Amino acid sequence: MSISVAAKKVTLSYSTTKRRVKQQTEACNNGKDVFPGSSKNTGAKSKLTEEHTVFIFEKIHEQTTISCNDVTGLLCQHFKYLTITSRVVNYHMRNKCHLTYKRTVRQLVARDDDVIILQRYEAVSAWMALGINFFSVCVFIDGAGFNRNKHRSHGCSNVGKACKITVETKGPSFSILGAITAHDVITLSKREVYASINKERKADAGSAPKKGTTGSDFMEFIEQVLSNIKAHDIPYRYLVMDSAAIHKTIDVKDWVTERGFEITYLPPYSPFLNPIEKFWSKLKDVVN
């Protein structure tokens, strides 16, 4: 194929095509594998070395919420010869260290306690010994709270002006009790959680307002769950839930046992063992 024909096929000028063919020929003759037109990176060499990278990871390990400006200050303070901007450090952290800033997820200290980990291991081992199949015989039960005043954390406004939204001072919230399986939703039940009032108003109002899900609320919900399972002849036997006080009352245990079901309680500080947590996460993304 002639150079002119090749130039038309790749939509380049004749001179450019000729130059790149020459480059490729010279590279092949010298035993190098270089794509025509490529060249070595001529950009400025980064001031941050492997030693700086290790230092950055050490500081982030000590405090995961440290800001890029703080990291820059610590670098310049520790390495006296280093003069660098936070913009360069931010680029290095994102592209070289592969670090990104995310919304923090709060986690209780007790969750990783040795005693809790042992209890978690023993509970899962017991389920496996009983041959409990989470995908075919289990119903996962839990509740989640929702705030009616919840809005997206970001919005649009004119430059230089705050993005303001109007909300009620103390709007009531609500909770939802849910029961799902690995494949379906058994039932959802909404429960009102009224806003708290101050002492002066509480004295005038008489009885205290309802707050949270009560034991009787949970009993009603369990009845809905068991009735739906029976009505549709679904082969589920185990009700998986955490060890909250309202879940472990004698009435709940006796009622479930009389209906031919069993309760499997999760070990403490182990909500991630209940798949319904993922369900609530997806639902809150939509609601919020």
Protein backbone atom coordinates (compact mmCIF):
# COMPACT_ATOMS: atom_id res chain seq x y z
CA MET A 1 0.00 0.00 0.00
CA SER A 2 1.41 3.39 -0.98
CA ILE A 3 1.75 6.25 1.48
CA SER A 4 -0.86 8.34 -0.33
CA VAL A 5 -3.46 5.53 -0.14
CA ALA A 6 -2.66 4.93 3.54
CA ALA A 7 -3.00 8.65 4.27
CA LYS A 8 -6.51 8.69 2.80
CA LYS A 9 -7.57 5.61 4.82
CA VAL A 10 -6.45 7.08 8.15
CA THR A 11 -7.51 10.63 7.21
CA LEU A 12 -4.06 12.15 7.77
CA SER A 13 -2.04 14.41 5.53
CA TYR A 14 0.55 12.88 3.22
CA SER A 15 3.48 14.47 5.10
CA THR A 16 2.26 13.30 8.52
CA THR A 17 1.70 9.76 7.29
CA LYS A 18 5.14 9.69 5.67
CA ARG A 19 6.79 10.92 8.88
CA ARG A 20 5.07 8.27 11.03
CA VAL A 21 5.94 5.49 8.62
CA LYS A 22 9.56 6.61 8.86
CA GLN A 23 9.37 6.62 12.67
CA GLN A 24 7.94 3.12 12.74
CA THR A 25 10.59 1.84 10.32
CA GLU A 26 13.42 3.32 12.40
CA ALA A 27 11.93 1.92 15.60
CA CYS A 28 11.67 -1.57 14.11
CA ASN A 29 15.25 -1.41 12.82
CA ASN A 30 16.46 -0.43 16.31
CA GLY A 31 14.47 -3.22 17.96
CA LYS A 32 12.07 -0.86 19.73
CA ASP A 33 8.31 -1.20 19.95
CA VAL A 34 7.16 2.40 19.60
CA PHE A 35 3.83 3.50 18.17
CA PRO A 36 4.27 6.13 15.46
CA GLY A 37 3.91 9.62 16.82
CA SER A 38 4.45 8.59 20.45
CA SER A 39 7.05 10.32 22.55
CA LYS A 40 8.40 10.21 26.07
CA ASN A 41 6.53 12.08 28.78
CA THR A 42 8.05 15.54 28.92
CA GLY A 43 5.93 16.81 31.84
CA ALA A 44 7.46 18.11 35.06
CA LYS A 45 8.62 15.41 37.44
CA SER A 46 6.48 15.08 40.55
CA LYS A 47 7.98 16.43 43.76
CA LEU A 48 6.29 13.66 45.75
CA THR A 49 8.29 10.45 46.01
CA GLU A 50 7.63 7.01 47.46
CA GLU A 51 8.70 8.32 50.87
CA HIS A 52 6.04 11.02 50.72
CA THR A 53 3.42 8.46 49.66
CA VAL A 54 4.19 6.27 52.68
CA PHE A 55 3.94 9.32 54.93
CA ILE A 56 0.52 10.20 53.46
CA PHE A 57 -0.84 6.69 54.08
CA GLU A 58 0.47 6.76 57.66
CA LYS A 59 -1.37 10.01 58.40
CA ILE A 60 -4.59 8.78 56.81
CA HIS A 61 -4.37 5.57 58.83
CA GLU A 62 -4.06 7.67 61.99
CA GLN A 63 -7.03 9.89 61.03
CA THR A 64 -9.22 8.89 58.10
CA THR A 65 -11.09 12.23 58.12
CA ILE A 66 -7.96 14.34 57.61
CA SER A 67 -8.32 16.94 54.86
CA CYS A 68 -6.04 17.46 51.88
CA ASN A 69 -4.97 20.85 53.26
CA ASP A 70 -3.96 19.21 56.53
CA VAL A 71 -1.98 16.53 54.67
CA THR A 72 -0.18 19.25 52.72
CA GLY A 73 0.70 21.11 55.91
CA LEU A 74 2.03 17.95 57.57
CA LEU A 75 4.13 17.13 54.51
CA CYS A 76 5.74 20.57 54.44
CA GLN A 77 6.24 20.46 58.21
CA HIS A 78 7.86 17.01 58.23
CA PHE A 79 9.93 17.40 55.04
CA LYS A 80 11.61 20.78 55.53
CA TYR A 81 12.91 20.95 51.96
CA LEU A 82 9.47 20.37 50.40
CA THR A 83 7.41 23.24 49.01
CA ILE A 84 4.14 22.10 47.49
CA THR A 85 0.50 23.14 47.09
CA SER A 86 -2.59 21.26 48.23
CA ARG A 87 -3.69 21.00 44.59
CA VAL A 88 -0.61 18.91 43.75
CA VAL A 89 -1.10 16.78 46.86
CA ASN A 90 -4.76 16.24 45.96
CA TYR A 91 -3.77 15.10 42.46
CA HIS A 92 -1.16 12.74 43.93
CA MET A 93 -3.64 11.26 46.41
CA ARG A 94 -6.28 10.65 43.72
CA ASN A 95 -4.13 9.43 40.84
CA LYS A 96 -1.08 7.90 42.52
CA CYS A 97 -2.43 6.72 45.87
CA HIS A 98 -5.94 5.97 44.51
CA LEU A 99 -7.58 7.68 47.49
CA THR A 100 -10.94 9.43 47.36
CA TYR A 101 -13.00 11.40 49.86
CA LYS A 102 -16.30 9.74 50.75
CA ARG A 103 -19.12 10.25 53.18
CA THR A 104 -18.11 8.69 56.48
CA VAL A 105 -19.95 5.67 57.87
CA ARG A 106 -20.15 5.57 61.65
CA GLN A 107 -19.29 2.25 63.24
CA LEU A 108 -19.49 1.33 66.92
CA VAL A 109 -16.24 0.35 68.61
CA ALA A 110 -17.89 -2.78 70.06
CA ARG A 111 -18.52 -4.12 66.57
CA ASP A 112 -14.89 -5.27 66.26
CA ASP A 113 -14.49 -6.36 69.88
CA ASP A 114 -12.95 -9.84 70.26
CA VAL A 115 -15.89 -11.09 72.35
CA ILE A 116 -18.41 -9.88 69.77
CA ILE A 117 -16.45 -11.44 66.91
CA LEU A 118 -16.43 -14.76 68.79
CA GLN A 119 -20.19 -14.57 69.39
CA ARG A 120 -20.70 -13.80 65.72
CA TYR A 121 -18.59 -16.80 64.70
CA GLU A 122 -20.44 -19.13 67.07
CA ALA A 123 -23.84 -17.93 65.83
CA VAL A 124 -22.99 -18.45 62.16
CA SER A 125 -21.46 -21.86 62.95
CA ALA A 126 -24.69 -22.87 64.72
CA TRP A 127 -26.77 -21.83 61.70
CA MET A 128 -24.56 -23.88 59.41
CA ALA A 129 -24.78 -26.90 61.74
CA LEU A 130 -28.59 -26.68 61.65
CA GLY A 131 -28.51 -26.47 57.86
CA ILE A 132 -30.39 -23.16 57.77
CA ASN A 133 -30.52 -21.90 54.20
CA PHE A 134 -30.94 -18.12 54.20
CA PHE A 135 -32.08 -18.17 50.58
CA SER A 136 -34.96 -20.62 50.88
CA VAL A 137 -36.34 -20.85 54.44
CA CYS A 138 -35.68 -17.46 56.10
CA VAL A 139 -37.67 -14.25 56.47
CA PHE A 140 -35.60 -11.19 57.42
CA ILE A 141 -37.24 -8.69 59.77
CA ASP A 142 -36.16 -5.24 60.89
CA GLY A 143 -37.29 -1.63 61.14
CA ALA A 144 -35.95 1.64 59.79
CA GLY A 145 -36.63 5.27 60.63
CA PHE A 146 -37.43 8.02 58.12
CA ASN A 147 -37.48 11.81 58.52
CA ARG A 148 -40.12 13.74 56.59
CA ASN A 149 -37.85 16.77 56.51
CA LYS A 150 -35.02 14.86 54.85
CA HIS A 151 -33.76 16.47 51.65
CA ARG A 152 -30.82 16.07 49.33
CA SER A 153 -27.66 17.55 50.77
CA HIS A 154 -26.85 19.53 47.59
CA GLY A 155 -28.88 21.85 45.37
CA CYS A 156 -28.61 24.67 42.79
CA SER A 157 -28.56 28.42 43.44
CA ASN A 158 -27.13 31.58 41.93
CA VAL A 159 -23.41 32.20 42.30
CA GLY A 160 -22.63 33.74 45.68
CA LYS A 161 -25.98 32.78 47.23
CA ALA A 162 -26.80 29.91 49.55
CA CYS A 163 -29.15 27.16 48.42
CA LYS A 164 -31.97 27.40 50.98
CA ILE A 165 -34.94 25.08 51.46
CA THR A 166 -37.89 25.48 53.83
CA VAL A 167 -38.61 22.78 56.40
CA GLU A 168 -40.78 22.44 59.48
CA THR A 169 -39.06 23.19 62.78
CA LYS A 170 -39.75 19.78 64.26
CA GLY A 171 -41.60 17.70 61.74
CA PRO A 172 -42.75 14.23 62.79
CA SER A 173 -40.90 11.20 61.53
CA PHE A 174 -42.08 7.69 60.90
CA SER A 175 -40.68 4.19 61.01
CA ILE A 176 -41.32 1.22 58.76
CA LEU A 177 -41.27 -2.39 59.88
CA GLY A 178 -40.34 -4.71 57.05
CA ALA A 179 -40.16 -8.41 56.33
CA ILE A 180 -38.44 -9.69 53.19
CA THR A 181 -37.00 -12.89 51.80
CA ALA A 182 -34.11 -13.39 49.42
CA HIS A 183 -36.60 -13.04 46.55
CA ASP A 184 -39.71 -11.09 47.68
CA VAL A 185 -41.17 -8.54 50.06
CA ILE A 186 -43.53 -10.20 52.55
CA THR A 187 -44.99 -7.03 54.07
CA LEU A 188 -44.21 -3.45 55.11
CA SER A 189 -45.92 -1.59 57.94
CA LYS A 190 -45.68 2.15 58.59
CA ARG A 191 -45.62 3.43 62.18
CA GLU A 192 -45.86 7.10 63.17
CA VAL A 193 -43.21 8.56 65.47
CA TYR A 194 -44.49 11.86 66.79
CA ALA A 195 -42.21 14.79 67.47
CA SER A 196 -41.05 15.32 71.03
CA ILE A 197 -42.43 18.29 72.96
CA ASN A 198 -40.87 20.42 75.69
CA LYS A 199 -41.69 20.01 79.37
CA GLU A 200 -44.13 22.96 79.56
CA ARG A 201 -46.21 21.72 76.62
CA LYS A 202 -45.99 18.14 77.86
CA ALA A 203 -47.47 19.14 81.22
CA ASP A 204 -50.40 20.84 79.52
CA ALA A 205 -50.99 18.06 77.01
CA GLY A 206 -51.49 15.39 79.65
CA SER A 207 -50.39 12.03 78.28
CA ALA A 208 -46.97 11.73 76.68
CA PRO A 209 -46.92 11.38 72.88
CA LYS A 210 -46.18 8.05 71.28
CA LYS A 211 -42.53 7.62 70.40
CA GLY A 212 -40.95 4.72 68.55
CA THR A 213 -42.23 1.21 67.86
CA THR A 214 -43.84 -0.46 70.87
CA GLY A 215 -44.15 -4.13 71.77
CA SER A 216 -47.80 -4.19 70.73
CA ASP A 217 -46.86 -2.63 67.37
CA PHE A 218 -44.35 -5.40 66.79
CA MET A 219 -46.86 -8.10 67.77
CA GLU A 220 -49.34 -6.74 65.21
CA PHE A 221 -46.61 -6.70 62.59
CA ILE A 222 -45.56 -10.29 63.33
CA GLU A 223 -49.18 -11.34 62.90
CA GLN A 224 -49.20 -9.70 59.44
CA VAL A 225 -46.00 -11.50 58.49
CA LEU A 226 -47.18 -14.93 59.60
CA SER A 227 -50.62 -14.47 58.03
CA ASN A 228 -49.09 -13.52 54.67
CA ILE A 229 -46.77 -16.53 54.76
CA LYS A 230 -49.64 -18.89 55.59
CA ALA A 231 -52.01 -17.34 53.05
CA HIS A 232 -49.57 -17.80 50.17
CA ASP A 233 -48.31 -21.19 51.41
CA ILE A 234 -44.69 -20.01 51.29
CA PRO A 235 -42.17 -22.56 52.64
CA TYR A 236 -40.43 -20.20 55.05
CA ARG A 237 -39.77 -21.33 58.61
CA TYR A 238 -37.22 -19.06 60.30
CA LEU A 239 -37.73 -15.41 61.24
CA VAL A 240 -34.33 -13.67 61.34
CA MET A 241 -34.15 -10.51 63.46
CA ASP A 242 -31.83 -8.66 65.83
CA SER A 243 -31.96 -9.02 69.59
CA ALA A 244 -33.87 -5.81 70.38
CA ALA A 245 -35.96 -5.91 73.56
CA ILE A 246 -39.32 -5.86 71.75
CA HIS A 247 -38.19 -8.81 69.61
CA LYS A 248 -37.41 -11.03 72.59
CA THR A 249 -40.56 -10.75 74.69
CA ILE A 250 -42.26 -13.93 75.89
CA ASP A 251 -45.41 -13.04 73.94
CA VAL A 252 -43.51 -12.78 70.66
CA LYS A 253 -41.61 -16.03 71.20
CA ASP A 254 -44.73 -17.99 72.22
CA TRP A 255 -46.83 -16.56 69.39
CA VAL A 256 -44.26 -17.44 66.73
CA THR A 257 -43.70 -20.95 68.14
CA GLU A 258 -47.45 -21.68 68.31
CA ARG A 259 -47.77 -20.80 64.62
CA GLY A 260 -45.06 -23.35 63.72
CA PHE A 261 -42.16 -20.94 63.10
CA GLU A 262 -38.80 -20.35 64.78
CA ILE A 263 -36.92 -17.16 65.59
CA THR A 264 -33.23 -16.82 64.78
CA TYR A 265 -31.64 -13.92 66.64
CA LEU A 266 -28.61 -12.19 65.20
CA PRO A 267 -25.53 -11.76 67.42
CA PRO A 268 -25.07 -8.24 68.89
CA TYR A 269 -23.60 -5.47 66.73
CA SER A 270 -24.05 -7.55 63.57
CA PRO A 271 -26.71 -5.82 61.43
CA PHE A 272 -24.72 -6.59 58.28
CA LEU A 273 -25.69 -10.26 58.68
CA ASN A 274 -29.29 -9.28 57.94
CA PRO A 275 -29.88 -8.74 54.19
CA ILE A 276 -32.77 -6.38 54.91
CA GLU A 277 -30.18 -3.70 55.76
CA LYS A 278 -29.37 -3.50 52.03
CA PHE A 279 -33.08 -3.20 51.33
CA TRP A 280 -33.38 -0.21 53.68
CA SER A 281 -30.32 1.40 52.13
CA LYS A 282 -31.86 1.24 48.64
CA LEU A 283 -35.24 2.45 49.90
CA LYS A 284 -33.73 5.44 51.71
CA ASP A 285 -31.84 6.42 48.56
CA VAL A 286 -35.22 6.77 46.84
CA VAL A 287 -37.08 8.43 49.73
CA ASN A 288 -34.32 10.87 50.63
